[in-house]
Protein backbone atom coordinates (compact mmCIF):
# COMPACT_ATOMS: atom_id res chain seq x y z
CA UNK A 1 14.54 -1.88 79.30
CA UNK A 2 17.41 0.70 80.48
CA UNK A 3 18.01 4.27 79.01
CA UNK A 4 21.51 2.30 77.30
CA UNK A 5 19.13 -0.08 75.42
CA UNK A 6 17.10 2.51 73.91
CA UNK A 7 20.44 4.30 73.22
CA UNK A 8 22.08 1.80 71.28
CA UNK A 9 19.18 0.69 69.38
CA UNK A 10 18.83 4.63 68.47
CA UNK A 11 22.53 4.41 67.12
CA UNK A 12 21.70 1.26 65.38
CA UNK A 13 18.69 2.39 63.67
CA UNK A 14 20.54 5.72 62.22
CA UNK A 15 22.93 3.37 60.59
CA UNK A 16 20.26 0.74 59.56
CA UNK A 17 18.28 3.33 57.85
CA UNK A 18 20.52 4.95 55.96
CA UNK A 19 22.13 1.94 54.83
CA UNK A 20 18.67 0.84 53.09
CA UNK A 21 18.49 4.22 51.76
CA UNK A 22 22.29 4.18 50.33
CA UNK A 23 21.58 0.67 49.03
CA UNK A 24 18.81 1.74 46.74
CA UNK A 25 21.83 3.23 44.32
CA UNK A 26 23.42 -0.13 43.66
CA UNK A 27 23.47 -0.26 40.12
CA UNK A 28 22.33 3.21 39.39
CA UNK A 29 25.16 5.29 40.30
CA UNK A 30 26.35 7.74 37.78
CA UNK A 31 29.98 6.09 37.50
CA UNK A 32 31.14 2.65 38.30
CA UNK A 33 33.39 3.71 40.51
CA UNK A 34 30.93 5.81 42.30
CA UNK A 35 28.29 3.04 42.55
CA UNK A 36 30.77 0.60 44.33
CA UNK A 37 32.17 3.21 46.20
CA UNK A 38 28.30 4.58 47.44
CA UNK A 39 27.46 0.99 48.14
CA UNK A 40 30.73 0.26 50.06
CA UNK A 41 29.59 3.09 52.66
CA UNK A 42 26.16 1.20 52.59
CA UNK A 43 27.75 -2.09 53.52
CA UNK A 44 29.73 -0.20 56.33
CA UNK A 45 26.57 1.11 57.84
CA UNK A 46 25.16 -2.06 57.78
CA UNK A 47 27.64 -3.69 59.80
CA UNK A 48 28.18 -1.12 62.25
CA UNK A 49 23.70 -1.63 62.58
CA UNK A 50 24.40 -4.94 63.37
CA UNK A 51 26.76 -4.85 66.52
CA UNK A 52 24.58 -1.71 67.88
CA UNK A 53 21.23 -3.69 67.59
CA UNK A 54 23.18 -7.12 68.45
CA UNK A 55 24.31 -5.08 71.70
CA UNK A 56 20.64 -3.79 72.42
CA UNK A 57 19.31 -7.02 71.90
CA UNK A 58 21.21 -8.33 74.59
CA UNK A 59 21.00 -5.04 77.10
CA UNK A 60 16.77 -5.47 76.47
CA UNK A 61 17.05 -9.33 77.57
CA UNK A 62 14.14 -10.29 75.85
CA UNK A 63 15.82 -12.86 73.55
CA UNK A 64 15.17 -10.44 70.46
CA UNK A 65 17.92 -10.75 67.88
CA UNK A 66 19.59 -8.06 65.43
CA UNK A 67 17.07 -9.70 62.84
CA UNK A 68 14.10 -9.17 64.86
CA UNK A 69 15.28 -5.77 65.84
CA UNK A 70 15.47 -4.86 62.19
CA UNK A 71 12.79 -6.76 60.36
CA UNK A 72 9.74 -6.91 62.95
CA UNK A 73 9.29 -3.38 64.12
CA UNK A 74 6.97 -0.57 63.42
CA UNK A 75 7.97 2.89 61.78
CA UNK A 76 7.24 4.43 65.46
CA UNK A 77 9.53 1.81 67.09
CA UNK A 78 12.39 3.32 65.17
CA UNK A 79 14.50 6.32 66.71
CA UNK A 80 16.32 6.89 63.75
CA UNK A 81 17.19 10.85 62.77
CA UNK A 82 14.67 12.23 59.98
CA UNK A 83 17.68 12.74 58.02
CA UNK A 84 18.86 9.33 57.37
CA UNK A 85 14.86 8.39 56.02
CA UNK A 86 14.88 11.18 53.52
CA UNK A 87 14.76 9.67 49.79
CA UNK A 88 17.58 9.82 47.75
CA UNK A 89 16.61 12.44 45.55
CA UNK A 90 19.67 13.47 42.82
CA UNK A 91 22.86 12.41 43.74
CA UNK A 92 23.77 15.79 44.64
CA UNK A 93 21.25 15.59 47.52
CA UNK A 94 22.18 12.19 48.43
CA UNK A 95 25.96 13.21 48.95
CA UNK A 96 24.42 16.51 51.00
CA UNK A 97 22.99 14.29 53.01
CA UNK A 98 26.07 11.72 53.66
CA UNK A 99 28.06 14.39 54.15
CA UNK A 100 26.02 16.41 56.84
CA UNK A 101 25.27 12.62 58.76
CA UNK A 102 29.03 12.16 58.60
CA UNK A 103 30.91 14.64 60.11
CA UNK A 104 27.94 14.44 62.75
CA UNK A 105 28.43 10.70 63.09
CA UNK A 106 32.15 11.13 63.34
CA UNK A 107 32.17 13.14 66.41
CA UNK A 108 29.76 11.27 68.17
CA UNK A 109 31.77 8.30 67.70
CA UNK A 110 34.62 9.96 68.71
CA UNK A 111 33.14 10.69 71.84
CA UNK A 112 31.64 7.25 72.27
CA UNK A 113 34.86 5.62 72.16
CA UNK A 114 36.07 6.98 75.38
CA UNK A 115 32.58 5.66 76.88
CA UNK A 116 32.12 4.14 80.52
CA UNK A 117 30.61 1.26 78.71
CA UNK A 118 33.59 -0.61 77.59
CA UNK A 119 31.20 -2.57 74.55
CA UNK A 120 29.76 0.64 73.59
CA UNK A 121 33.75 1.84 73.20
CA UNK A 122 34.47 -1.11 71.51
CA UNK A 123 31.95 -1.00 68.79
CA UNK A 124 32.79 3.21 68.57
CA UNK A 125 36.01 2.03 67.71
CA UNK A 126 35.88 -0.19 65.20
CA UNK A 127 32.90 1.67 63.65
CA UNK A 128 35.27 5.01 63.39
CA UNK A 129 38.29 3.44 61.76
CA UNK A 130 35.15 3.12 58.89
CA UNK A 131 33.50 6.59 59.52
CA UNK A 132 36.86 8.56 59.02
CA UNK A 133 36.94 7.34 55.73
CA UNK A 134 33.00 8.18 54.97
CA UNK A 135 34.26 11.35 55.94
CA UNK A 136 36.87 12.22 54.43
CA UNK A 137 35.13 10.82 51.06
CA UNK A 138 32.09 13.08 51.38
CA UNK A 139 33.80 16.11 52.19
CA UNK A 140 36.23 15.47 49.18
CA UNK A 141 33.15 15.26 46.91
CA UNK A 142 31.52 18.29 48.46
CA UNK A 143 34.21 20.55 47.51
CA UNK A 144 34.65 18.84 44.06
CA UNK A 145 31.38 19.57 43.30
CA UNK A 146 30.77 22.80 44.77
CA UNK A 147 33.52 24.35 43.17
CA UNK A 148 33.13 22.60 40.10
CA UNK A 149 30.98 23.75 36.98
CA UNK A 150 27.85 25.96 37.35
CA UNK A 151 25.57 23.16 37.27
CA UNK A 152 27.35 20.85 39.89
CA UNK A 153 27.64 23.68 42.23
CA UNK A 154 23.63 24.76 41.87
CA UNK A 155 22.93 21.65 42.41
CA UNK A 156 25.14 21.04 45.78
CA UNK A 157 23.72 24.44 47.09
CA UNK A 158 20.31 23.62 46.15
CA UNK A 159 20.92 20.14 48.51
CA UNK A 160 22.41 21.69 51.28
CA UNK A 161 19.84 24.61 51.27
CA UNK A 162 17.03 21.94 51.23
CA UNK A 163 18.65 19.36 53.61
CA UNK A 164 19.89 22.26 56.54
CA UNK A 165 16.10 22.16 57.93
CA UNK A 166 17.08 18.57 59.41
CA UNK A 167 20.54 19.13 60.78
CA UNK A 168 18.75 21.25 63.83
CA UNK A 169 17.70 17.65 65.36
CA UNK A 170 21.31 16.39 65.35
CA UNK A 171 22.05 18.73 68.26
CA UNK A 172 18.76 18.69 70.15
CA UNK A 173 19.41 16.65 73.43
CA UNK A 174 16.37 14.81 74.93
CA UNK A 175 16.68 13.43 78.18
CA UNK A 176 17.83 10.33 76.87
CA UNK A 177 20.82 12.10 75.50
CA UNK A 178 21.34 14.06 78.52
CA UNK A 179 21.37 10.89 80.94
CA UNK A 180 24.18 9.10 78.46
CA UNK A 181 26.57 12.40 79.18
CA UNK A 182 25.64 12.13 83.02
CA UNK A 183 26.15 8.25 82.76
CA UNK A 184 29.82 8.69 81.08
CA UNK A 185 28.59 6.77 78.31
CA UNK A 186 28.47 9.60 75.50
CA UNK A 187 29.85 13.17 74.81
CA UNK A 188 27.39 15.82 74.67
CA UNK A 189 25.69 17.17 71.65
CA UNK A 190 26.55 20.76 72.22
CA UNK A 191 30.53 19.43 72.27
CA UNK A 192 29.65 17.62 69.19
CA UNK A 193 27.61 20.63 67.44
CA UNK A 194 30.74 22.87 67.85
CA UNK A 195 32.99 20.41 66.27
CA UNK A 196 30.66 19.63 63.49
CA UNK A 197 29.60 23.35 62.76
CA UNK A 198 33.56 23.98 62.54
CA UNK A 199 34.24 21.28 60.09
CA UNK A 200 31.34 21.45 57.86
CA UNK A 201 31.69 25.77 57.54
CA UNK A 202 35.05 25.04 56.44
CA UNK A 203 34.32 22.37 53.89
CA UNK A 204 31.12 24.57 52.83
CA UNK A 205 33.44 27.67 52.24
CA UNK A 206 36.07 25.56 50.15
CA UNK A 207 33.69 24.25 48.20
CA UNK A 208 32.51 27.88 47.56
CA UNK A 209 28.73 26.93 48.55
CA UNK A 210 27.03 29.63 50.99
CA UNK A 211 26.24 28.48 54.41
CA UNK A 212 22.51 28.60 55.32
CA UNK A 213 21.37 31.33 57.63
CA UNK A 214 21.51 30.97 61.38
CA UNK A 215 17.97 30.55 63.87
CA UNK A 216 16.09 28.60 60.43
CA UNK A 217 13.36 26.72 61.32
CA UNK A 218 13.99 23.15 61.93
CA UNK A 219 12.54 20.13 61.96
CA UNK A 220 12.35 17.17 64.41
CA UNK A 221 10.81 13.92 65.73
CA UNK A 222 12.68 10.96 64.56
CA UNK A 223 14.52 10.55 67.97
CA UNK A 224 10.90 10.50 69.53
CA UNK A 225 9.25 7.78 67.01
CA UNK A 226 7.93 10.99 64.97
CA UNK A 227 8.83 10.21 61.79
CA UNK A 228 8.19 11.26 57.70
CA UNK A 229 5.94 8.99 55.14
CA UNK A 230 9.19 8.04 53.88
CA UNK A 231 10.51 5.52 56.84
CA UNK A 232 7.11 3.75 56.23
CA UNK A 233 8.24 2.81 52.50
CA UNK A 234 11.39 2.29 53.16
CA UNK A 235 10.88 -0.31 56.27
CA UNK A 236 7.88 -1.96 53.85
CA UNK A 237 10.54 -2.85 51.27
CA UNK A 238 13.39 -3.37 53.65
CA UNK A 239 10.83 -5.79 55.75
CA UNK A 240 9.02 -7.72 53.03
CA UNK A 241 10.63 -11.28 53.45
CA UNK A 242 10.68 -11.66 56.84
CA UNK A 243 7.03 -9.99 57.22
CA UNK A 244 5.72 -12.21 54.26
CA UNK A 245 7.86 -15.17 55.60
CA UNK A 246 7.66 -15.22 59.45
CA UNK A 247 11.33 -17.11 60.70
CA UNK A 248 12.23 -17.48 56.75
CA UNK A 249 15.97 -18.19 56.82
CA UNK A 250 18.51 -18.57 54.53
C-alpha cells in the first residue's frame, strides 16, 4: 500500500464523514430552503467521497470498492479530521464547523488541481466547483448570523469558540502530508494555513465576531486514526445495513 493510497483515502474519509453528519439535518433544518441547501452540500460531499475512495481502491490493488472502504472499516481505520466527526449541535455549531472546514477544503483542493497525479488533479477540479459554492454559502451565513441579532451573534461566537480547538489539526503536517508535498501531489499545509487564516480572519471581522486567541491548545489524532467517541456512533448508523446484511445490494 502506497503513501498516495493513504492520502487519497484520507481525503475520501473527510468528505464521507462530514456528508454523513450533514445528512442528519434532513427534515430538521430551521427553514425549508436551509434544509434543502444543507442536504445538497451533503450530497456534493458524498459524490466527492465516492471519487476519492474509488481511486484509493484502485491504488490499493486489493479489489476493494468504494462501498467496501466506506462500510467495512472500523473507526481506527478512518483517518478523517476530528472536526468533521463532531456532533451537529445547534445550527450555529453546524454552520461554524462547515465554514471552518469549507475554507480549508477549498485551499487544499485548489492546490490539488495542480497535482503531479493527473487523476487527483481531475477529481480536485471537479470537487472545487462544488466547494466554491460551499465556501460562498457558509461565509455568507457566518456574516449574516454573526452580525445579526443579539442571540444569533452570541450563538455563533460560542460555536466558533468551541470548535476552534479542532482547527489546529487542519494544518499539522505528518509524514504523509510531507511526502505528498515532496512528490508534488499536494500543496504544503503551511501555505494552506496562510490562505485559510486570512479568509477566516476577514470573515469573522465582517461578522463582528471575536477571533480566538492565538496559542490555544489544539486537539489532534484523527489523521492518525485516534478519534472521539462520536465517530463510532456515526459509523454504527452509517454501516448498519452492510454490517447486518453483508453484500446486500439494491
